[in-house]
Amino acid sequence: MDEEFMSSFSRWALSHPKRSALWIRLLACEITQMKRMLTSLIQKLIADS
């Protein structure tokens, strides 16, 4: 996703409390998945070395 879309979407989300709660949950989910991906990538790198 591009920066401009993200910033306008977050502005839209934060303009409404229910939407912002959903947005925060969505972000938390994204971050969790990214951490999981990073962890497996790091483990792969360690295993290869």
Protein backbone atom coordinates (compact mmCIF):
# COMPACT_ATOMS: atom_id res chain seq x y z
CA MET A 1 0.00 0.00 0.00
CA ASP A 2 1.28 3.45 -0.82
CA GLU A 3 1.89 6.23 1.72
CA GLU A 4 -0.77 8.57 0.37
CA PHE A 5 -3.48 5.94 0.58
CA MET A 6 -2.43 4.97 4.10
CA SER A 7 -2.44 8.54 5.39
CA SER A 8 -5.81 9.41 3.84
CA PHE A 9 -7.28 6.13 5.03
CA SER A 10 -6.03 6.67 8.58
CA ARG A 11 -7.45 10.22 8.55
CA TRP A 12 -10.79 8.76 7.44
CA ALA A 13 -10.62 6.02 10.06
CA LEU A 14 -9.70 8.37 12.89
CA SER A 15 -12.59 10.68 12.04
CA HIS A 16 -14.97 8.07 13.45
CA PRO A 17 -14.39 6.32 16.81
CA LYS A 18 -15.80 2.95 15.74
CA ARG A 19 -13.74 3.02 12.56
CA SER A 20 -10.58 3.97 14.45
CA ALA A 21 -11.04 1.00 16.79
CA LEU A 22 -11.35 -1.25 13.75
CA TRP A 23 -8.33 0.43 12.15
CA ILE A 24 -6.23 -0.13 15.28
CA ARG A 25 -7.24 -3.79 15.34
CA LEU A 26 -6.34 -4.09 11.66
CA LEU A 27 -2.95 -2.47 12.25
CA ALA A 28 -2.26 -4.73 15.22
CA CYS A 29 -3.04 -7.75 13.05
CA GLU A 30 -0.72 -6.47 10.29
CA ILE A 31 2.10 -5.90 12.78
CA THR A 32 1.63 -9.36 14.31
CA GLN A 33 1.83 -10.99 10.89
CA MET A 34 4.90 -8.93 9.97
CA LYS A 35 6.60 -9.95 13.22
CA ARG A 36 5.81 -13.59 12.51
CA MET A 37 7.25 -13.25 9.00
CA LEU A 38 10.37 -11.51 10.31
CA THR A 39 10.84 -14.16 12.97
CA SER A 40 10.66 -17.01 10.47
CA LEU A 41 12.98 -15.12 8.11
CA ILE A 42 15.53 -14.61 10.89
CA GLN A 43 15.26 -18.27 11.91
CA LYS A 44 15.82 -19.27 8.28
CA LEU A 45 18.89 -17.02 8.08
CA ILE A 46 20.28 -18.49 11.30
CA ALA A 47 19.63 -22.03 10.07
CA ASP A 48 21.42 -21.29 6.78
CA SER A 49 24.51 -19.80 8.40
